[in-house]
Protein backbone atom coordinates (compact mmCIF):
# COMPACT_ATOMS: atom_id res chain seq x y z
CA MET A 1 -67.34 -36.01 -3.92
CA ALA A 2 -69.74 -38.33 -2.11
CA THR A 3 -73.23 -38.61 -3.55
CA ARG A 4 -76.07 -38.25 -1.08
CA ARG A 5 -78.83 -40.80 -1.16
CA ILE A 6 -81.84 -39.91 -3.29
CA ARG A 7 -84.99 -39.36 -1.23
CA TYR A 8 -87.44 -41.03 -3.57
CA ALA A 9 -90.36 -40.56 -1.18
CA ARG A 10 -90.13 -36.82 -1.75
CA LEU A 11 -90.73 -37.14 -5.50
CA GLY A 12 -94.21 -36.26 -6.70
CA THR A 13 -94.19 -39.16 -9.14
CA GLU A 14 -93.62 -41.63 -6.27
CA ARG A 15 -96.42 -40.50 -3.98
CA ALA A 16 -99.83 -42.18 -3.75
CA ASN A 17 -102.67 -40.37 -5.50
CA PRO A 18 -105.56 -39.68 -3.08
CA ARG A 19 -108.02 -39.63 -5.98
CA SER A 20 -107.31 -43.28 -6.79
CA HIS A 21 -107.01 -44.68 -3.26
CA ALA A 22 -109.90 -47.10 -3.94
CA LEU A 23 -108.67 -48.13 -7.41
CA ASP A 24 -109.03 -51.85 -6.72
CA ARG A 25 -112.70 -51.36 -5.83
CA MET A 26 -113.64 -49.28 -8.87
CA THR A 27 -115.57 -50.50 -11.90
CA PRO A 28 -113.90 -50.41 -15.33
CA ARG A 29 -116.01 -47.35 -16.24
CA GLU A 30 -114.95 -45.56 -13.06
CA ILE A 31 -111.28 -46.34 -13.72
CA ALA A 32 -111.56 -45.11 -17.30
CA THR A 33 -113.21 -41.87 -16.15
CA LEU A 34 -110.64 -41.30 -13.42
CA MET A 35 -107.70 -41.93 -15.73
CA ASN A 36 -109.11 -39.57 -18.34
CA ARG A 37 -109.40 -36.83 -15.72
CA GLU A 38 -105.83 -37.45 -14.59
CA ASP A 39 -104.58 -37.36 -18.19
CA ARG A 40 -106.07 -33.87 -18.51
CA ARG A 41 -103.78 -32.84 -15.66
CA ALA A 42 -100.82 -34.03 -17.73
CA VAL A 43 -101.88 -31.86 -20.66
CA LEU A 44 -102.27 -28.82 -18.38
CA ALA A 45 -98.86 -29.51 -16.82
CA VAL A 46 -97.25 -29.38 -20.27
CA ALA A 47 -99.05 -26.13 -21.07
CA ARG A 48 -97.41 -24.55 -18.02
CA VAL A 49 -93.90 -25.23 -19.35
CA ALA A 50 -94.39 -23.86 -22.87
CA ARG A 51 -91.69 -21.23 -22.38
CA GLN A 52 -89.09 -23.83 -21.39
CA ILE A 53 -90.08 -26.00 -24.35
CA ALA A 54 -89.59 -23.01 -26.65
CA ASP A 55 -86.16 -22.37 -25.12
CA ALA A 56 -85.17 -25.96 -25.85
CA VAL A 57 -86.44 -25.71 -29.44
CA GLN A 58 -84.28 -22.63 -30.03
CA LEU A 59 -81.28 -24.53 -28.67
CA ILE A 60 -81.98 -27.53 -30.94
CA VAL A 61 -82.57 -25.48 -34.10
CA ALA A 62 -79.38 -23.48 -33.57
CA SER A 63 -77.38 -26.68 -33.08
CA LEU A 64 -78.81 -28.54 -36.08
CA ARG A 65 -78.24 -25.53 -38.33
CA ARG A 66 -74.56 -25.64 -37.38
CA GLY A 67 -74.29 -29.33 -38.23
CA GLY A 68 -75.04 -30.75 -34.80
CA ARG A 69 -77.26 -33.71 -34.00
CA LEU A 70 -80.08 -34.35 -31.53
CA PHE A 71 -79.96 -37.17 -28.98
CA PHE A 72 -82.66 -38.41 -26.62
CA VAL A 73 -81.32 -40.28 -23.58
CA GLY A 74 -83.47 -42.21 -21.12
CA ALA A 75 -84.20 -45.41 -19.24
CA GLY A 76 -87.32 -47.57 -19.16
CA THR A 77 -90.46 -45.87 -20.44
CA SER A 78 -88.63 -42.56 -20.82
CA GLY A 79 -85.95 -44.24 -22.92
CA ARG A 80 -88.52 -45.95 -25.12
CA LEU A 81 -90.28 -42.65 -25.73
CA GLY A 82 -86.96 -41.20 -26.85
CA VAL A 83 -86.40 -44.15 -29.20
CA LEU A 84 -89.87 -43.69 -30.65
CA GLU A 85 -89.36 -39.96 -31.22
CA ALA A 86 -86.02 -40.51 -32.95
CA ALA A 87 -87.43 -43.30 -35.12
CA GLU A 88 -90.32 -41.14 -36.31
CA CYS A 89 -88.18 -38.25 -37.60
CA PRO A 90 -86.87 -39.80 -40.86
CA PRO A 91 -90.30 -40.83 -42.23
CA THR A 92 -91.99 -37.64 -41.04
CA PHE A 93 -89.37 -35.01 -41.83
CA GLY A 94 -87.03 -36.74 -44.27
CA THR A 95 -84.08 -36.47 -41.90
CA PRO A 96 -81.06 -38.77 -42.20
CA PRO A 97 -81.12 -41.45 -39.46
CA ARG A 98 -78.04 -40.03 -37.74
CA LEU A 99 -79.53 -36.55 -37.28
CA VAL A 100 -81.89 -37.59 -34.47
CA GLN A 101 -80.78 -40.53 -32.34
CA ALA A 102 -81.69 -42.23 -29.08
CA ILE A 103 -79.64 -43.77 -26.30
CA ILE A 104 -81.53 -46.09 -23.96
CA ALA A 105 -80.19 -47.63 -20.76
CA GLY A 106 -79.52 -51.31 -21.29
CA GLY A 107 -79.15 -50.97 -25.05
CA ARG A 108 -81.45 -52.03 -27.88
CA GLY A 109 -82.86 -54.99 -25.99
CA SER A 110 -84.40 -52.63 -23.42
CA VAL A 111 -86.76 -51.30 -26.07
CA PHE A 112 -88.67 -54.60 -26.02
CA ARG A 113 -87.93 -56.02 -22.58
CA SER A 114 -87.66 -54.09 -19.33
CA ARG A 115 -84.22 -53.94 -17.69
CA GLU A 116 -84.94 -51.86 -14.61
CA GLY A 117 -81.45 -52.03 -13.10
CA ALA A 118 -79.95 -50.42 -16.19
CA GLU A 119 -81.20 -47.00 -15.10
CA ASP A 120 -78.64 -46.95 -12.27
CA ASP A 121 -75.64 -47.61 -14.53
CA ALA A 122 -73.97 -44.20 -14.73
CA ARG A 123 -70.78 -45.72 -16.11
CA ALA A 124 -72.63 -47.18 -19.10
CA ALA A 125 -74.16 -43.76 -19.77
CA ARG A 126 -70.77 -42.11 -19.86
CA ARG A 127 -69.45 -44.80 -22.23
CA ALA A 128 -72.40 -44.32 -24.58
CA VAL A 129 -71.93 -40.56 -24.64
CA ARG A 130 -68.19 -40.83 -25.29
CA ALA A 131 -68.88 -43.20 -28.21
CA ARG A 132 -71.57 -41.12 -29.91
CA VAL A 133 -71.91 -37.52 -28.71
CA ARG A 134 -69.63 -34.70 -29.86
CA ALA A 135 -69.32 -30.95 -29.40
CA GLY A 136 -72.17 -29.02 -31.01
CA ASP A 137 -74.81 -31.72 -30.47
CA VAL A 138 -77.88 -31.36 -28.25
CA VAL A 139 -78.63 -34.08 -25.71
CA VAL A 140 -82.13 -34.26 -24.24
CA GLY A 141 -82.24 -36.32 -21.07
CA VAL A 142 -85.64 -37.86 -20.41
CA SER A 143 -86.36 -38.90 -16.82
CA ALA A 144 -89.80 -38.95 -15.22
CA SER A 145 -88.27 -38.75 -11.74
CA GLY A 146 -85.59 -36.24 -12.69
CA VAL A 147 -82.99 -38.20 -10.71
CA THR A 148 -82.26 -41.23 -12.92
CA PRO A 149 -78.48 -41.88 -12.60
CA PHE A 150 -78.12 -43.03 -16.22
CA VAL A 151 -79.69 -39.84 -17.54
CA LEU A 152 -77.90 -37.44 -15.21
CA ALA A 153 -74.53 -39.05 -15.94
CA ALA A 154 -75.21 -38.82 -19.68
CA LEU A 155 -76.03 -35.13 -19.38
CA ALA A 156 -72.90 -34.44 -17.33
CA ALA A 157 -70.71 -36.29 -19.83
CA SER A 158 -72.39 -34.50 -22.72
CA ARG A 159 -71.67 -31.09 -21.21
CA GLN A 160 -68.04 -32.09 -20.78
CA ARG A 161 -67.88 -32.91 -24.50
CA GLY A 162 -69.28 -29.52 -25.48
CA ALA A 163 -72.87 -30.56 -26.21
CA ALA A 164 -75.88 -28.52 -25.18
CA THR A 165 -78.17 -30.26 -22.69
CA VAL A 166 -81.88 -30.33 -21.89
CA LEU A 167 -83.68 -32.31 -19.18
CA VAL A 168 -87.32 -33.36 -19.46
CA ALA A 169 -88.52 -34.45 -16.01
CA CYS A 170 -91.91 -34.60 -14.32
CA ASN A 171 -90.65 -33.59 -10.87
CA ALA A 172 -89.76 -30.04 -9.92
CA GLY A 173 -89.52 -30.61 -6.18
CA PRO A 174 -86.55 -30.19 -3.86
CA ALA A 175 -85.26 -33.76 -4.16
CA ALA A 176 -84.88 -33.50 -7.93
CA ALA A 177 -83.42 -30.00 -7.81
CA GLU A 178 -80.95 -31.03 -5.11
CA ARG A 179 -79.79 -34.04 -7.11
CA LEU A 180 -79.39 -32.01 -10.31
CA GLY A 181 -77.41 -29.30 -8.58
CA ARG A 182 -74.60 -31.66 -7.56
CA SER A 183 -71.58 -32.68 -9.56
CA SER A 184 -70.24 -36.22 -9.73
CA GLY A 185 -66.62 -35.32 -9.24
CA SER A 186 -66.06 -33.82 -12.68
CA GLY A 187 -68.01 -31.23 -14.60
CA PRO A 188 -71.47 -29.66 -14.18
CA ARG A 189 -74.62 -31.76 -14.10
CA LYS A 190 -77.16 -28.98 -14.36
CA PRO A 191 -78.80 -28.89 -17.83
CA GLN A 192 -79.02 -25.68 -19.82
CA VAL A 193 -82.79 -26.03 -20.15
CA ARG A 194 -85.03 -27.91 -17.73
CA ILE A 195 -88.58 -28.79 -18.79
CA SER A 196 -90.60 -29.94 -15.77
CA PRO A 197 -94.30 -30.61 -16.35
CA ALA A 198 -95.42 -31.32 -12.77
CA THR A 199 -97.85 -34.16 -13.42
CA GLY A 200 -98.18 -35.21 -9.76
CA PRO A 201 -98.83 -38.71 -8.39
CA GLU A 202 -99.99 -41.44 -10.74
CA VAL A 203 -103.31 -43.30 -10.64
CA LEU A 204 -101.22 -46.39 -10.00
CA ALA A 205 -98.60 -45.11 -7.56
CA GLY A 206 -95.13 -44.89 -9.11
CA SER A 207 -96.19 -46.10 -12.57
CA THR A 208 -94.71 -43.24 -14.58
CA ARG A 209 -95.72 -44.82 -17.88
CA LEU A 210 -99.07 -43.13 -17.16
CA LYS A 211 -99.38 -39.33 -16.69
CA ALA A 212 -95.65 -38.74 -16.68
CA GLY A 213 -95.32 -40.80 -19.86
CA THR A 214 -98.18 -38.90 -21.50
CA ALA A 215 -96.68 -35.52 -20.60
CA THR A 216 -93.25 -36.63 -21.78
CA LYS A 217 -94.63 -37.77 -25.15
CA LEU A 218 -96.34 -34.40 -25.58
CA VAL A 219 -93.11 -32.55 -24.81
CA LEU A 220 -90.99 -34.68 -27.17
CA ASN A 221 -93.58 -34.34 -29.95
CA THR A 222 -93.39 -30.58 -29.60
CA LEU A 223 -89.59 -30.48 -29.49
CA THR A 224 -89.19 -32.38 -32.76
CA THR A 225 -92.13 -30.84 -34.63
CA ALA A 226 -91.26 -27.25 -33.70
CA SER A 227 -87.55 -27.82 -34.39
CA MET A 228 -88.11 -29.37 -37.81
CA THR A 229 -90.56 -26.60 -38.67
CA GLY A 230 -87.89 -24.07 -37.71
CA LEU A 231 -85.46 -25.85 -40.03
CA GLY A 232 -87.84 -25.51 -42.99
CA ARG A 233 -88.85 -29.16 -43.18
CA VAL A 234 -92.53 -28.21 -43.06
CA TYR A 235 -94.55 -26.09 -45.51
CA GLY A 236 -97.63 -24.60 -43.88
CA ASN A 237 -98.77 -27.59 -41.88
CA ARG A 238 -97.78 -30.17 -44.49
CA MET A 239 -95.07 -32.84 -44.31
CA VAL A 240 -93.22 -31.96 -47.51
CA ASP A 241 -90.23 -34.14 -46.64
CA LEU A 242 -92.12 -37.36 -45.98
CA GLN A 243 -90.73 -40.61 -47.38
CA PRO A 244 -93.39 -42.16 -49.69
CA ARG A 245 -92.57 -45.83 -49.05
CA SER A 246 -96.05 -47.21 -48.38
CA ALA A 247 -99.34 -47.08 -50.26
CA LYS A 248 -100.75 -44.48 -47.86
CA LEU A 249 -97.66 -42.28 -48.03
CA ARG A 250 -97.40 -42.56 -51.82
CA GLU A 251 -100.98 -41.33 -52.07
CA ARG A 252 -100.28 -38.52 -49.59
CA ALA A 253 -97.20 -37.47 -51.59
CA LEU A 254 -99.23 -37.40 -54.78
CA ARG A 255 -101.89 -35.19 -53.14
CA LEU A 256 -99.23 -32.85 -51.79
CA VAL A 257 -97.59 -32.34 -55.18
CA ALA A 258 -100.95 -31.87 -56.90
CA GLU A 259 -102.29 -29.42 -54.31
CA LEU A 260 -99.15 -27.40 -53.57
CA GLY A 261 -97.87 -27.59 -57.13
CA GLY A 262 -101.26 -26.59 -58.54
CA VAL A 263 -101.34 -29.37 -61.12
CA SER A 264 -103.42 -32.41 -62.05
CA ARG A 265 -102.73 -35.81 -60.51
CA PRO A 266 -101.13 -37.14 -63.74
CA ARG A 267 -98.74 -34.17 -63.83
CA ALA A 268 -98.06 -34.55 -60.12
CA ARG A 269 -97.22 -38.22 -60.63
CA ALA A 270 -94.87 -37.35 -63.49
CA ALA A 271 -93.09 -34.77 -61.31
CA LEU A 272 -92.74 -37.27 -58.48
CA ASN A 273 -91.26 -39.87 -60.82
CA ALA A 274 -88.86 -37.33 -62.35
CA SER A 275 -87.76 -36.20 -58.88
CA ARG A 276 -87.23 -39.79 -57.71
CA ARG A 277 -90.07 -39.33 -55.20
CA ASN A 278 -88.55 -36.26 -53.58
CA VAL A 279 -91.77 -34.47 -52.62
CA ARG A 280 -90.22 -31.04 -52.00
CA LEU A 281 -88.41 -31.14 -55.34
CA ALA A 282 -91.49 -32.41 -57.17
CA ILE A 283 -93.57 -29.51 -55.84
CA VAL A 284 -91.10 -26.97 -57.23
CA MET A 285 -91.04 -28.79 -60.56
CA ALA A 286 -94.83 -28.94 -60.76
CA ARG A 287 -95.28 -25.29 -59.84
CA SER A 288 -92.55 -23.92 -62.11
CA GLY A 289 -92.15 -26.35 -64.99
CA LEU A 290 -88.43 -26.65 -64.25
CA THR A 291 -86.45 -29.84 -64.73
CA ALA A 292 -85.26 -31.76 -61.69
CA VAL A 293 -81.77 -30.28 -61.96
CA GLU A 294 -83.13 -26.73 -62.31
CA ALA A 295 -85.56 -27.19 -59.43
CA LEU A 296 -82.79 -28.58 -57.26
CA ARG A 297 -80.71 -25.51 -58.04
CA ALA A 298 -83.65 -23.25 -57.16
CA LEU A 299 -84.06 -24.97 -53.80
CA ALA A 300 -80.36 -24.66 -53.09
CA THR A 301 -80.49 -20.93 -53.87
CA ALA A 302 -83.41 -20.65 -51.41
CA GLY A 303 -81.39 -22.36 -48.70
CA GLY A 304 -83.59 -25.44 -48.98
CA SER A 305 -86.75 -23.51 -48.05
CA LEU A 306 -89.69 -24.62 -50.15
CA ARG A 307 -91.62 -21.46 -49.32
CA THR A 308 -88.77 -19.20 -50.41
CA ALA A 309 -88.18 -21.23 -53.57
CA LEU A 310 -91.84 -21.02 -54.55
CA GLN A 311 -91.99 -17.29 -53.83
CA ASN A 312 -89.00 -16.75 -56.12
CA LEU A 313 -90.36 -18.77 -59.04
CA PRO A 314 -92.90 -17.74 -61.71
CA ARG A 315 -96.02 -19.90 -61.74
CA THR A 316 -96.59 -21.83 -64.95
């Protein structure tokens, strides 16, 4: 099936912003004020798609509980934001590196140096998906325009492999919808969940690293944080699965065990050492007086939930 040409001029993220028409004549203070006002529009745009974000979170949690993985796919700024989100999950939530991954157009080198033409390489996207994505995974396509060929091809290929798909795009207009509704000769391209914070034209026309990038970062932050909370990797609002590999994080881990375990710092440190710096395990040990093996068994009985494990244990 022939692919119709994308009408980029119809995309909100490509239009000129009337509020910044005199940008090159503004003072630094005026530019800073204008950009701050425009960034507020990005935050409001994300607020308007809270329901769609929640739908995506439910999809992700269900998949990860069944043994699936989460992928972020993008090009340029969108791809780098996906890489950043994936990279932050292991230290924040204690996830194995393969649980949350990123695929960026142009490969690893594109993280540090722009390769603009890579976003048009649909064939490379399909190859990457075939090499890494499997049935039961969730693939989140990230595309400010909503029409990036690399992202749309990756989503189509992912659906063909039995993965669930989500698109995060900052255009909800007819050009984007028309492009998404087509197929590329084999299989559906339409994602199961579409998150479209309509951020509008940028202060610097077409520079989607600005409002669109800000809105995208907010959406991705929410997807991972809400999903990991749903999976029990958060207790209250505390990061109980953090990896204490720096001075700051070692101190944070010690505070967590002392506060949530209800013990002194020396006892918290002893529990951390006995648990091999597993914060969740150390908290159970500190609260209950159990050995590491016993505390591990208690967590397993609670399905890994720290809250459930603590509720089921007598306080020492």
